[in-house]
Amino acid sequence: MEGMGTNPREELLRVVTAARDQAKTILATLEQQGHPQTSESNGVYFGLVTILKQLRTLEPAPAVAGLASELEQLAGLCVGKLAPVESLLREAARVARRGS
């Protein structure tokens, strides 16, 4: 994604939105199955919703770099069925760090 001429906030919005969408899909599947990892998936999903809300609504914009640790924490929760979301969250954390 580097070199696309977008600012770090726009790039972060794109990556976090993709992670949120993926987490939502996984959450729906886990809920249908009554899977034991449903609560972790729910936590990751709502964490991403919160970060997106911060990115979209706060003016002035939040310090993008300040979101890196939150994104890393969420990535650390992405084990088992949530593993596909981890790489997106780690990428988002890298983007956030570059935005400082």
PDB file of N, CA and C in Angstrom:
ATOM      1  N   MET A   1       0.798  -1.192   0.000  1.00  0.00           N
ATOM      2  CA  MET A   1       0.000   0.000   0.000  1.00  0.00           C
ATOM      3  C   MET A   1       0.847   1.265   0.000  1.00  0.00           C
ATOM      4  N   GLU A   2       2.100   1.140   0.270  1.00  0.00           N
ATOM      5  CA  GLU A   2       2.970   2.306   0.312  1.00  0.00           C
ATOM      6  C   GLU A   2       3.074   2.906  -1.078  1.00  0.00           C
ATOM      7  N   GLY A   3       3.292   4.219  -1.093  1.00  0.00           N
ATOM      8  CA  GLY A   3       3.492   4.889  -2.357  1.00  0.00           C
ATOM      9  C   GLY A   3       2.220   5.203  -3.104  1.00  0.00           C
ATOM     10  N   MET A   4       1.066   5.062  -2.466  1.00  0.00           N
ATOM     11  CA  MET A   4      -0.183   5.318  -3.151  1.00  0.00           C
ATOM     12  C   MET A   4      -0.591   6.787  -3.076  1.00  0.00           C
ATOM     13  N   GLY A   5       0.205   7.607  -2.398  1.00  0.00           N
ATOM     14  CA  GLY A   5      -0.089   9.017  -2.325  1.00  0.00           C
ATOM     15  C   GLY A   5      -1.178   9.366  -1.325  1.00  0.00           C
ATOM     16  N   THR A   6      -1.514   8.454  -0.447  1.00  0.00           N
ATOM     17  CA  THR A   6      -2.521   8.751   0.561  1.00  0.00           C
ATOM     18  C   THR A   6      -1.822   9.111   1.861  1.00  0.00           C
ATOM     19  N   ASN A   7      -2.518   9.868   2.688  1.00  0.00           N
ATOM     20  CA  ASN A   7      -1.910  10.189   3.965  1.00  0.00           C
ATOM     21  C   ASN A   7      -2.106   9.009   4.922  1.00  0.00           C
ATOM     22  N   PRO A   8      -1.343   8.978   6.001  1.00  0.00           N
ATOM     23  CA  PRO A   8      -1.420   7.837   6.917  1.00  0.00           C
ATOM     24  C   PRO A   8      -2.817   7.603   7.480  1.00  0.00           C
ATOM     25  N   ARG A   9      -3.561   8.680   7.721  1.00  0.00           N
ATOM     26  CA  ARG A   9      -4.914   8.518   8.268  1.00  0.00           C
ATOM     27  C   ARG A   9      -5.819   7.801   7.272  1.00  0.00           C
ATOM     28  N   GLU A  10      -5.759   8.184   5.997  1.00  0.00           N
ATOM     29  CA  GLU A  10      -6.572   7.530   4.967  1.00  0.00           C
ATOM     30  C   GLU A  10      -6.182   6.064   4.818  1.00  0.00           C
ATOM     31  N   GLU A  11      -4.884   5.806   4.816  1.00  0.00           N
ATOM     32  CA  GLU A  11      -4.410   4.428   4.688  1.00  0.00           C
ATOM     33  C   GLU A  11      -4.850   3.605   5.893  1.00  0.00           C
ATOM     34  N   LEU A  12      -4.754   4.205   7.082  1.00  0.00           N
ATOM     35  CA  LEU A  12      -5.157   3.520   8.307  1.00  0.00           C
ATOM     36  C   LEU A  12      -6.660   3.229   8.286  1.00  0.00           C
ATOM     37  N   LEU A  13      -7.459   4.180   7.833  1.00  0.00           N
ATOM     38  CA  LEU A  13      -8.906   3.958   7.710  1.00  0.00           C
ATOM     39  C   LEU A  13      -9.194   2.763   6.807  1.00  0.00           C
ATOM     40  N   ARG A  14      -8.483   2.689   5.707  1.00  0.00           N
ATOM     41  CA  ARG A  14      -8.705   1.598   4.747  1.00  0.00           C
ATOM     42  C   ARG A  14      -8.344   0.240   5.369  1.00  0.00           C
ATOM     43  N   VAL A  15      -7.191   0.159   6.019  1.00  0.00           N
ATOM     44  CA  VAL A  15      -6.742  -1.116   6.580  1.00  0.00           C
ATOM     45  C   VAL A  15      -7.622  -1.538   7.768  1.00  0.00           C
ATOM     46  N   VAL A  16      -7.943  -0.582   8.650  1.00  0.00           N
ATOM     47  CA  VAL A  16      -8.761  -0.916   9.825  1.00  0.00           C
ATOM     48  C   VAL A  16     -10.181  -1.289   9.401  1.00  0.00           C
ATOM     49  N   THR A  17     -10.702  -0.640   8.358  1.00  0.00           N
ATOM     50  CA  THR A  17     -12.027  -1.000   7.848  1.00  0.00           C
ATOM     51  C   THR A  17     -12.022  -2.433   7.317  1.00  0.00           C
ATOM     52  N   ALA A  18     -10.969  -2.800   6.595  1.00  0.00           N
ATOM     53  CA  ALA A  18     -10.861  -4.174   6.082  1.00  0.00           C
ATOM     54  C   ALA A  18     -10.794  -5.171   7.235  1.00  0.00           C
ATOM     55  N   ALA A  19     -10.031  -4.841   8.269  1.00  0.00           N
ATOM     56  CA  ALA A  19      -9.920  -5.728   9.440  1.00  0.00           C
ATOM     57  C   ALA A  19     -11.261  -5.845  10.153  1.00  0.00           C
ATOM     58  N   ARG A  20     -11.958  -4.712  10.287  1.00  0.00           N
ATOM     59  CA  ARG A  20     -13.269  -4.742  10.939  1.00  0.00           C
ATOM     60  C   ARG A  20     -14.247  -5.620  10.162  1.00  0.00           C
ATOM     61  N   ASP A  21     -14.258  -5.479   8.836  1.00  0.00           N
ATOM     62  CA  ASP A  21     -15.162  -6.279   8.011  1.00  0.00           C
ATOM     63  C   ASP A  21     -14.860  -7.772   8.143  1.00  0.00           C
ATOM     64  N   GLN A  22     -13.576  -8.103   8.161  1.00  0.00           N
ATOM     65  CA  GLN A  22     -13.180  -9.498   8.304  1.00  0.00           C
ATOM     66  C   GLN A  22     -13.559 -10.022   9.695  1.00  0.00           C
ATOM     67  N   ALA A  23     -13.324  -9.214  10.720  1.00  0.00           N
ATOM     68  CA  ALA A  23     -13.676  -9.620  12.082  1.00  0.00           C
ATOM     69  C   ALA A  23     -15.185  -9.818  12.224  1.00  0.00           C
ATOM     70  N   LYS A  24     -15.963  -8.975  11.558  1.00  0.00           N
ATOM     71  CA  LYS A  24     -17.426  -9.090  11.614  1.00  0.00           C
ATOM     72  C   LYS A  24     -17.888 -10.396  10.974  1.00  0.00           C
ATOM     73  N   THR A  25     -17.290 -10.745   9.846  1.00  0.00           N
ATOM     74  CA  THR A  25     -17.633 -11.996   9.164  1.00  0.00           C
ATOM     75  C   THR A  25     -17.299 -13.200  10.043  1.00  0.00           C
ATOM     76  N   ILE A  26     -16.106 -13.174  10.658  1.00  0.00           N
ATOM     77  CA  ILE A  26     -15.694 -14.267  11.537  1.00  0.00           C
ATOM     78  C   ILE A  26     -16.627 -14.347  12.749  1.00  0.00           C
ATOM     79  N   LEU A  27     -16.961 -13.190  13.326  1.00  0.00           N
ATOM     80  CA  LEU A  27     -17.850 -13.143  14.486  1.00  0.00           C
ATOM     81  C   LEU A  27     -19.206 -13.766  14.156  1.00  0.00           C
ATOM     82  N   ALA A  28     -19.768 -13.418  13.007  1.00  0.00           N
ATOM     83  CA  ALA A  28     -21.073 -13.972  12.611  1.00  0.00           C
ATOM     84  C   ALA A  28     -21.006 -15.489  12.507  1.00  0.00           C
ATOM     85  N   THR A  29     -19.928 -15.998  11.912  1.00  0.00           N
ATOM     86  CA  THR A  29     -19.758 -17.446  11.770  1.00  0.00           C
ATOM     87  C   THR A  29     -19.638 -18.116  13.139  1.00  0.00           C
ATOM     88  N   LEU A  30     -18.829 -17.543  14.019  1.00  0.00           N
ATOM     89  CA  LEU A  30     -18.630 -18.118  15.350  1.00  0.00           C
ATOM     90  C   LEU A  30     -19.924 -18.100  16.159  1.00  0.00           C
ATOM     91  N   GLU A  31     -20.698 -17.022  16.031  1.00  0.00           N
ATOM     92  CA  GLU A  31     -21.973 -16.948  16.751  1.00  0.00           C
ATOM     93  C   GLU A  31     -22.919 -18.047  16.286  1.00  0.00           C
ATOM     94  N   GLN A  32     -22.968 -18.269  14.975  1.00  0.00           N
ATOM     95  CA  GLN A  32     -23.844 -19.312  14.426  1.00  0.00           C
ATOM     96  C   GLN A  32     -23.449 -20.690  14.945  1.00  0.00           C
ATOM     97  N   GLN A  33     -22.154 -20.905  15.123  1.00  0.00           N
ATOM     98  CA  GLN A  33     -21.648 -22.201  15.554  1.00  0.00           C
ATOM     99  C   GLN A  33     -21.659 -22.352  17.068  1.00  0.00           C
ATOM    100  N   GLY A  34     -21.910 -21.251  17.799  1.00  0.00           N
ATOM    101  CA  GLY A  34     -21.806 -21.287  19.248  1.00  0.00           C
ATOM    102  C   GLY A  34     -20.376 -21.573  19.684  1.00  0.00           C
ATOM    103  N   HIS A  35     -19.433 -21.083  18.913  1.00  0.00           N
ATOM    104  CA  HIS A  35     -18.011 -21.350  19.142  1.00  0.00           C
ATOM    105  C   HIS A  35     -17.520 -20.665  20.416  1.00  0.00           C
ATOM    106  N   PRO A  36     -16.617 -21.312  21.177  1.00  0.00           N
ATOM    107  CA  PRO A  36     -16.118 -20.712  22.420  1.00  0.00           C
ATOM    108  C   PRO A  36     -15.311 -19.423  22.216  1.00  0.00           C
ATOM    109  N   GLN A  37     -14.871 -19.158  21.001  1.00  0.00           N
ATOM    110  CA  GLN A  37     -14.073 -17.958  20.756  1.00  0.00           C
ATOM    111  C   GLN A  37     -14.939 -16.745  20.377  1.00  0.00           C
ATOM    112  N   THR A  38     -16.253 -16.888  20.511  1.00  0.00           N
ATOM    113  CA  THR A  38     -17.159 -15.799  20.141  1.00  0.00           C
ATOM    114  C   THR A  38     -16.889 -14.529  20.931  1.00  0.00           C
ATOM    115  N   SER A  39     -16.651 -14.641  22.225  1.00  0.00           N
ATOM    116  CA  SER A  39     -16.454 -13.418  23.027  1.00  0.00           C
ATOM    117  C   SER A  39     -15.175 -12.688  22.638  1.00  0.00           C
ATOM    118  N   GLU A  40     -14.083 -13.422  22.360  1.00  0.00           N
ATOM    119  CA  GLU A  40     -12.854 -12.768  21.912  1.00  0.00           C
ATOM    120  C   GLU A  40     -13.085 -12.067  20.578  1.00  0.00           C
ATOM    121  N   SER A  41     -13.798 -12.743  19.688  1.00  0.00           N
ATOM    122  CA  SER A  41     -14.088 -12.164  18.383  1.00  0.00           C
ATOM    123  C   SER A  41     -14.923 -10.894  18.536  1.00  0.00           C
ATOM    124  N   ASN A  42     -15.880 -10.944  19.437  1.00  0.00           N
ATOM    125  CA  ASN A  42     -16.724  -9.790  19.713  1.00  0.00           C
ATOM    126  C   ASN A  42     -15.870  -8.618  20.226  1.00  0.00           C
ATOM    127  N   GLY A  43     -14.930  -8.909  21.111  1.00  0.00           N
ATOM    128  CA  GLY A  43     -14.054  -7.876  21.660  1.00  0.00           C
ATOM    129  C   GLY A  43     -13.190  -7.226  20.591  1.00  0.00           C
ATOM    130  N   VAL A  44     -12.633  -8.040  19.699  1.00  0.00           N
ATOM    131  CA  VAL A  44     -11.796  -7.507  18.615  1.00  0.00           C
ATOM    132  C   VAL A  44     -12.653  -6.645  17.687  1.00  0.00           C
ATOM    133  N   TYR A  45     -13.821  -7.157  17.326  1.00  0.00           N
ATOM    134  CA  TYR A  45     -14.707  -6.407  16.426  1.00  0.00           C
ATOM    135  C   TYR A  45     -15.063  -5.040  17.012  1.00  0.00           C
ATOM    136  N   PHE A  46     -15.509  -5.026  18.263  1.00  0.00           N
ATOM    137  CA  PHE A  46     -15.910  -3.743  18.854  1.00  0.00           C
ATOM    138  C   PHE A  46     -14.712  -2.823  19.118  1.00  0.00           C
ATOM    139  N   GLY A  47     -13.537  -3.391  19.360  1.00  0.00           N
ATOM    140  CA  GLY A  47     -12.330  -2.580  19.463  1.00  0.00           C
ATOM    141  C   GLY A  47     -12.046  -1.861  18.153  1.00  0.00           C
ATOM    142  N   LEU A  48     -12.221  -2.571  17.041  1.00  0.00           N
ATOM    143  CA  LEU A  48     -12.000  -1.973  15.721  1.00  0.00           C
ATOM    144  C   LEU A  48     -13.057  -0.915  15.412  1.00  0.00           C
ATOM    145  N   VAL A  49     -14.297  -1.174  15.794  1.00  0.00           N
ATOM    146  CA  VAL A  49     -15.360  -0.187  15.596  1.00  0.00           C
ATOM    147  C   VAL A  49     -15.011   1.102  16.342  1.00  0.00           C
ATOM    148  N   THR A  50     -14.505   0.958  17.571  1.00  0.00           N
ATOM    149  CA  THR A  50     -14.129   2.122  18.380  1.00  0.00           C
ATOM    150  C   THR A  50     -12.992   2.905  17.728  1.00  0.00           C
ATOM    151  N   ILE A  51     -11.974   2.202  17.245  1.00  0.00           N
ATOM    152  CA  ILE A  51     -10.839   2.870  16.588  1.00  0.00           C
ATOM    153  C   ILE A  51     -11.310   3.605  15.327  1.00  0.00           C
ATOM    154  N   LEU A  52     -12.182   2.963  14.550  1.00  0.00           N
ATOM    155  CA  LEU A  52     -12.697   3.618  13.345  1.00  0.00           C
ATOM    156  C   LEU A  52     -13.484   4.876  13.701  1.00  0.00           C
ATOM    157  N   LYS A  53     -14.259   4.800  14.760  1.00  0.00           N
ATOM    158  CA  LYS A  53     -15.024   5.967  15.195  1.00  0.00           C
ATOM    159  C   LYS A  53     -14.076   7.116  15.532  1.00  0.00           C
ATOM    160  N   GLN A  54     -12.979   6.796  16.226  1.00  0.00           N
ATOM    161  CA  GLN A  54     -11.985   7.826  16.561  1.00  0.00           C
ATOM    162  C   GLN A  54     -11.383   8.422  15.297  1.00  0.00           C
ATOM    163  N   LEU A  55     -11.034   7.566  14.346  1.00  0.00           N
ATOM    164  CA  LEU A  55     -10.400   8.041  13.120  1.00  0.00           C
ATOM    165  C   LEU A  55     -11.336   8.916  12.289  1.00  0.00           C
ATOM    166  N   ARG A  56     -12.624   8.597  12.305  1.00  0.00           N
ATOM    167  CA  ARG A  56     -13.574   9.294  11.441  1.00  0.00           C
ATOM    168  C   ARG A  56     -14.131  10.578  12.038  1.00  0.00           C
ATOM    169  N   THR A  57     -14.289  10.634  13.348  1.00  0.00           N
ATOM    170  CA  THR A  57     -15.084  11.732  13.881  1.00  0.00           C
ATOM    171  C   THR A  57     -14.305  12.784  14.644  1.00  0.00           C
ATOM    172  N   LEU A  58     -13.136  12.474  15.140  1.00  0.00           N
ATOM    173  CA  LEU A  58     -12.439  13.454  15.966  1.00  0.00           C
ATOM    174  C   LEU A  58     -11.771  14.521  15.119  1.00  0.00           C
ATOM    175  N   GLU A  59     -12.071  15.729  15.427  1.00  0.00           N
ATOM    176  CA  GLU A  59     -11.408  16.871  14.802  1.00  0.00           C
ATOM    177  C   GLU A  59     -10.888  17.741  15.915  1.00  0.00           C
ATOM    178  N   PRO A  60      -9.625  18.039  15.971  1.00  0.00           N
ATOM    179  CA  PRO A  60      -8.655  17.553  15.002  1.00  0.00           C
ATOM    180  C   PRO A  60      -8.480  16.041  15.115  1.00  0.00           C
ATOM    181  N   ALA A  61      -7.958  15.478  14.063  1.00  0.00           N
ATOM    182  CA  ALA A  61      -7.775  14.030  14.004  1.00  0.00           C
ATOM    183  C   ALA A  61      -6.921  13.550  15.171  1.00  0.00           C
ATOM    184  N   PRO A  62      -7.212  12.332  15.661  1.00  0.00           N
ATOM    185  CA  PRO A  62      -6.376  11.799  16.734  1.00  0.00           C
ATOM    186  C   PRO A  62      -4.957  11.588  16.224  1.00  0.00           C
ATOM    187  N   ALA A  63      -4.015  11.584  17.135  1.00  0.00           N
ATOM    188  CA  ALA A  63      -2.647  11.282  16.745  1.00  0.00           C
ATOM    189  C   ALA A  63      -2.637   9.841  16.244  1.00  0.00           C
ATOM    190  N   VAL A  64      -2.427   9.686  14.967  1.00  0.00           N
ATOM    191  CA  VAL A  64      -2.472   8.363  14.349  1.00  0.00           C
ATOM    192  C   VAL A  64      -1.500   7.417  15.038  1.00  0.00           C
ATOM    193  N   ALA A  65      -0.323   7.907  15.371  1.00  0.00           N
ATOM    194  CA  ALA A  65       0.684   7.058  16.008  1.00  0.00           C
ATOM    195  C   ALA A  65       0.211   6.538  17.362  1.00  0.00           C
ATOM    196  N   GLY A  66      -0.644   7.298  18.023  1.00  0.00           N
ATOM    197  CA  GLY A  66      -1.166   6.871  19.319  1.00  0.00           C
ATOM    198  C   GLY A  66      -2.061   5.657  19.243  1.00  0.00           C
ATOM    199  N   LEU A  67      -2.552   5.329  18.059  1.00  0.00           N
ATOM    200  CA  LEU A  67      -3.418   4.170  17.890  1.00  0.00           C
ATOM    201  C   LEU A  67      -2.626   2.874  17.698  1.00  0.00           C
ATOM    202  N   ALA A  68      -1.326   2.987  17.452  1.00  0.00           N
ATOM    203  CA  ALA A  68      -0.505   1.807  17.164  1.00  0.00           C
ATOM    204  C   ALA A  68      -0.566   0.788  18.297  1.00  0.00           C
ATOM    205  N   SER A  69      -0.460   1.237  19.543  1.00  0.00           N
ATOM    206  CA  SER A  69      -0.460   0.284  20.653  1.00  0.00           C
ATOM    207  C   SER A  69      -1.825  -0.390  20.799  1.00  0.00           C
ATOM    208  N   GLU A  70      -2.908   0.347  20.561  1.00  0.00           N
ATOM    209  CA  GLU A  70      -4.247  -0.261  20.614  1.00  0.00           C
ATOM    210  C   GLU A  70      -4.386  -1.338  19.544  1.00  0.00           C
ATOM    211  N   LEU A  71      -3.880  -1.032  18.350  1.00  0.00           N
ATOM    212  CA  LEU A  71      -3.953  -1.996  17.253  1.00  0.00           C
ATOM    213  C   LEU A  71      -3.114  -3.237  17.550  1.00  0.00           C
ATOM    214  N   GLU A  72      -1.927  -3.036  18.143  1.00  0.00           N
ATOM    215  CA  GLU A  72      -1.074  -4.178  18.517  1.00  0.00           C
ATOM    216  C   GLU A  72      -1.759  -5.045  19.579  1.00  0.00           C
ATOM    217  N   GLN A  73      -2.431  -4.407  20.537  1.00  0.00           N
ATOM    218  CA  GLN A  73      -3.141  -5.168  21.566  1.00  0.00           C
ATOM    219  C   GLN A  73      -4.234  -6.027  20.940  1.00  0.00           C
ATOM    220  N   LEU A  74      -5.007  -5.443  20.027  1.00  0.00           N
ATOM    221  CA  LEU A  74      -6.056  -6.210  19.351  1.00  0.00           C
ATOM    222  C   LEU A  74      -5.449  -7.350  18.535  1.00  0.00           C
ATOM    223  N   ALA A  75      -4.321  -7.076  17.872  1.00  0.00           N
ATOM    224  CA  ALA A  75      -3.659  -8.124  17.080  1.00  0.00           C
ATOM    225  C   ALA A  75      -3.258  -9.289  17.974  1.00  0.00           C
ATOM    226  N   GLY A  76      -2.837  -8.991  19.199  1.00  0.00           N
ATOM    227  CA  GLY A  76      -2.446 -10.044  20.132  1.00  0.00           C
ATOM    228  C   GLY A  76      -3.596 -10.951  20.537  1.00  0.00           C
ATOM    229  N   LEU A  77      -4.826 -10.482  20.363  1.00  0.00           N
ATOM    230  CA  LEU A  77      -6.010 -11.297  20.680  1.00  0.00           C
ATOM    231  C   LEU A  77      -6.418 -12.201  19.519  1.00  0.00           C
ATOM    232  N   CYS A  78      -5.821 -11.981  18.362  1.00  0.00           N
ATOM    233  CA  CYS A  78      -6.243 -12.682  17.149  1.00  0.00           C
ATOM    234  C   CYS A  78      -5.533 -14.024  16.995  1.00  0.00           C
ATOM    235  N   VAL A  79      -6.009 -14.992  17.738  1.00  0.00           N
ATOM    236  CA  VAL A  79      -5.495 -16.359  17.644  1.00  0.00           C
ATOM    237  C   VAL A  79      -6.642 -17.260  17.204  1.00  0.00           C
ATOM    238  N   GLY A  80      -6.302 -18.481  16.843  1.00  0.00           N
ATOM    239  CA  GLY A  80      -7.341 -19.429  16.439  1.00  0.00           C
ATOM    240  C   GLY A  80      -8.108 -18.923  15.227  1.00  0.00           C
ATOM    241  N   LYS A  81      -9.419 -18.870  15.358  1.00  0.00           N
ATOM    242  CA  LYS A  81     -10.278 -18.458  14.247  1.00  0.00           C
ATOM    243  C   LYS A  81     -10.067 -17.004  13.835  1.00  0.00           C
ATOM    244  N   LEU A  82      -9.495 -16.198  14.737  1.00  0.00           N
ATOM    245  CA  LEU A  82      -9.279 -14.781  14.441  1.00  0.00           C
ATOM    246  C   LEU A  82      -7.927 -14.506  13.769  1.00  0.00           C
ATOM    247  N   ALA A  83      -7.112 -15.530  13.595  1.00  0.00           N
ATOM    248  CA  ALA A  83      -5.774 -15.355  13.034  1.00  0.00           C
ATOM    249  C   ALA A  83      -5.748 -14.559  11.714  1.00  0.00           C
ATOM    250  N   PRO A  84      -6.742 -14.721  10.823  1.00  0.00           N
ATOM    251  CA  PRO A  84      -6.683 -13.951   9.575  1.00  0.00           C
ATOM    252  C   PRO A  84      -6.716 -12.430   9.782  1.00  0.00           C
ATOM    253  N   VAL A  85      -7.256 -11.969  10.890  1.00  0.00           N
ATOM    254  CA  VAL A  85      -7.363 -10.532  11.149  1.00  0.00           C
ATOM    255  C   VAL A  85      -6.037  -9.974  11.664  1.00  0.00           C
ATOM    256  N   GLU A  86      -5.219 -10.825  12.268  1.00  0.00           N
ATOM    257  CA  GLU A  86      -3.973 -10.369  12.898  1.00  0.00           C
ATOM    258  C   GLU A  86      -3.071  -9.613  11.932  1.00  0.00           C
ATOM    259  N   SER A  87      -2.860 -10.144  10.731  1.00  0.00           N
ATOM    260  CA  SER A  87      -1.939  -9.486   9.801  1.00  0.00           C
ATOM    261  C   SER A  87      -2.431  -8.098   9.411  1.00  0.00           C
ATOM    262  N   LEU A  88      -3.735  -7.928   9.251  1.00  0.00           N
ATOM    263  CA  LEU A  88      -4.270  -6.602   8.940  1.00  0.00           C
ATOM    264  C   LEU A  88      -4.037  -5.629  10.089  1.00  0.00           C
ATOM    265  N   LEU A  89      -4.199  -6.113  11.318  1.00  0.00           N
ATOM    266  CA  LEU A  89      -3.994  -5.239  12.474  1.00  0.00           C
ATOM    267  C   LEU A  89      -2.527  -4.868  12.634  1.00  0.00           C
ATOM    268  N   ARG A  90      -1.636  -5.805  12.361  1.00  0.00           N
ATOM    269  CA  ARG A  90      -0.203  -5.495  12.442  1.00  0.00           C
ATOM    270  C   ARG A  90       0.177  -4.491  11.352  1.00  0.00           C
ATOM    271  N   GLU A  91      -0.401  -4.648  10.158  1.00  0.00           N
ATOM    272  CA  GLU A  91      -0.152  -3.677   9.083  1.00  0.00           C
ATOM    273  C   GLU A  91      -0.677  -2.303   9.503  1.00  0.00           C
ATOM    274  N   ALA A  92      -1.865  -2.263  10.094  1.00  0.00           N
ATOM    275  CA  ALA A  92      -2.439  -0.995  10.552  1.00  0.00           C
ATOM    276  C   ALA A  92      -1.549  -0.344  11.606  1.00  0.00           C
ATOM    277  N   ALA A  93      -0.993  -1.136  12.502  1.00  0.00           N
ATOM    278  CA  ALA A  93      -0.093  -0.596  13.527  1.00  0.00           C
ATOM    279  C   ALA A  93       1.157   0.012  12.885  1.00  0.00           C
ATOM    280  N   ARG A  94       1.686  -0.649  11.835  1.00  0.00           N
ATOM    281  CA  ARG A  94       2.858  -0.094  11.125  1.00  0.00           C
ATOM    282  C   ARG A  94       2.501   1.238  10.460  1.00  0.00           C
ATOM    283  N   VAL A  95       1.330   1.290   9.846  1.00  0.00           N
ATOM    284  CA  VAL A  95       0.874   2.531   9.208  1.00  0.00           C
ATOM    285  C   VAL A  95       0.747   3.629  10.258  1.00  0.00           C
ATOM    286  N   ALA A  96       0.178   3.280  11.412  1.00  0.00           N
ATOM    287  CA  ALA A  96      -0.005   4.264  12.484  1.00  0.00           C
ATOM    288  C   ALA A  96       1.339   4.803  12.954  1.00  0.00           C
ATOM    289  N   ARG A  97       2.320   3.923  13.096  1.00  0.00           N
ATOM    290  CA  ARG A  97       3.649   4.376  13.542  1.00  0.00           C
ATOM    291  C   ARG A  97       4.297   5.300  12.520  1.00  0.00           C
ATOM    292  N   ARG A  98       4.116   4.994  11.236  1.00  0.00           N
ATOM    293  CA  ARG A  98       4.675   5.851  10.177  1.00  0.00           C
ATOM    294  C   ARG A  98       4.020   7.226  10.182  1.00  0.00           C
ATOM    295  N   GLY A  99       2.777   7.284  10.662  1.00  0.00           N
ATOM    296  CA  GLY A  99       2.036   8.540  10.630  1.00  0.00           C
ATOM    297  C   GLY A  99       2.463   9.537  11.675  1.00  0.00           C
ATOM    298  N   SER A 100       3.393   9.155  12.549  1.00  0.00           N
ATOM    299  CA  SER A 100       3.791  10.072  13.628  1.00  0.00           C
ATOM    300  C   SER A 100       4.722  11.156  13.134  1.00  0.00           C
TER     301      SER A 100
END
